[in-house]
Amino acid sequence: MTELNASDGSLVGTYPVGQGAEGVTFDGSHIWVANGANGTVTELNASDGSLVGTYPVGSHPEGITFDGSHIWVANSGDNTGDRAERL
């Protein structure tokens, strides 16, 4: 995962996530990344990019969003969705 400065596009940092990162969402304090190649979602602190955790979900997660309370993940490999409590 690469973080860029919104004002000028300069590189802020690069942070490890799972394989095949495909979808990203923000919950107000964390960045969530859907890792399609390994069926996980990675949670990073938005303030410094540090790893909070990596969580298993369904097969080939692609889409991810936050509804104010939960993180929703669309798993294209098995046509399911996962919902997680915001940590």
Protein backbone atom coordinates (compact mmCIF):
# COMPACT_ATOMS: atom_id res chain seq x y z
CA MET A 1 0.00 0.00 0.00
CA THR A 2 1.47 3.36 -1.01
CA GLU A 3 0.54 6.65 0.66
CA LEU A 4 0.90 9.88 -1.33
CA ASN A 5 0.64 13.50 -0.22
CA ALA A 6 -2.69 14.76 -1.57
CA SER A 7 -1.37 18.27 -2.24
CA ASP A 8 1.56 17.36 -4.48
CA GLY A 9 1.63 13.59 -5.05
CA SER A 10 4.91 13.09 -3.22
CA LEU A 11 5.56 9.74 -1.58
CA VAL A 12 4.74 9.62 2.15
CA GLY A 13 5.26 5.90 2.74
CA THR A 14 4.83 2.34 1.57
CA TYR A 15 3.25 -0.25 3.86
CA PRO A 16 2.97 -4.04 3.50
CA VAL A 17 -0.46 -5.61 3.04
CA GLY A 18 -1.61 -9.00 1.72
CA GLN A 19 -1.15 -10.35 -1.79
CA GLY A 20 -3.20 -8.96 -4.64
CA ALA A 21 -4.42 -5.76 -2.96
CA GLU A 22 -7.55 -4.73 -4.85
CA GLY A 23 -9.92 -2.63 -2.76
CA VAL A 24 -9.41 0.09 -0.15
CA THR A 25 -11.73 1.86 2.30
CA PHE A 26 -11.32 4.32 5.18
CA ASP A 27 -13.34 4.16 8.41
CA GLY A 28 -12.26 7.47 9.92
CA SER A 29 -9.16 6.12 11.64
CA HIS A 30 -8.09 2.98 9.78
CA ILE A 31 -7.34 2.02 6.17
CA TRP A 32 -8.76 -1.38 5.18
CA VAL A 33 -7.36 -3.27 2.18
CA ALA A 34 -8.99 -6.26 0.44
CA ASN A 35 -6.27 -8.74 -0.55
CA GLY A 36 -7.73 -10.73 -3.44
CA ALA A 37 -4.93 -13.24 -3.88
CA ASN A 38 -4.93 -14.59 -0.34
CA GLY A 39 -8.51 -14.11 0.92
CA THR A 40 -7.73 -11.60 3.66
CA VAL A 41 -8.37 -8.00 4.67
CA THR A 42 -5.56 -5.91 6.17
CA GLU A 43 -6.23 -3.07 8.64
CA LEU A 44 -3.68 -0.24 8.94
CA ASN A 45 -3.60 2.80 11.23
CA ALA A 46 -4.23 5.80 8.99
CA SER A 47 -2.07 8.01 11.19
CA ASP A 48 1.19 6.11 10.64
CA GLY A 49 0.51 3.09 8.39
CA SER A 50 1.25 0.59 11.15
CA LEU A 51 -0.38 -2.82 10.93
CA VAL A 52 -3.42 -3.36 13.16
CA GLY A 53 -4.26 -6.82 11.85
CA THR A 54 -4.96 -9.12 8.93
CA TYR A 55 -8.22 -11.05 8.90
CA PRO A 56 -9.42 -14.03 6.81
CA VAL A 57 -12.51 -13.50 4.67
CA GLY A 58 -14.02 -15.35 1.70
CA SER A 59 -12.41 -16.31 -1.58
CA HIS A 60 -10.89 -13.48 -3.65
CA PRO A 61 -12.12 -10.34 -1.82
CA GLU A 62 -12.27 -7.37 -4.19
CA GLY A 63 -14.72 -4.73 -3.05
CA ILE A 64 -14.68 -3.24 0.43
CA THR A 65 -16.65 -0.43 2.08
CA PHE A 66 -17.50 1.05 5.48
CA ASP A 67 -21.12 1.77 6.49
CA GLY A 68 -20.43 3.71 9.69
CA SER A 69 -20.38 0.58 11.87
CA HIS A 70 -19.10 -2.34 9.81
CA ILE A 71 -16.60 -3.15 7.11
CA TRP A 72 -18.25 -4.99 4.22
CA VAL A 73 -16.23 -7.19 1.87
CA ALA A 74 -17.38 -8.59 -1.49
CA ASN A 75 -15.79 -11.98 -2.18
CA SER A 76 -15.89 -12.65 -5.90
CA GLY A 77 -14.40 -16.14 -5.69
CA ASP A 78 -17.30 -17.63 -3.78
CA ASN A 79 -20.05 -15.05 -4.41
CA THR A 80 -20.38 -14.15 -0.73
CA GLY A 81 -19.97 -11.12 1.43
CA ASP A 82 -18.41 -10.73 4.86
CA ARG A 83 -19.23 -8.14 7.48
CA ALA A 84 -16.87 -7.27 10.31
CA GLU A 85 -17.31 -5.09 13.35
CA ARG A 86 -15.15 -2.01 13.17
CA LEU A 87 -12.17 -2.49 15.46
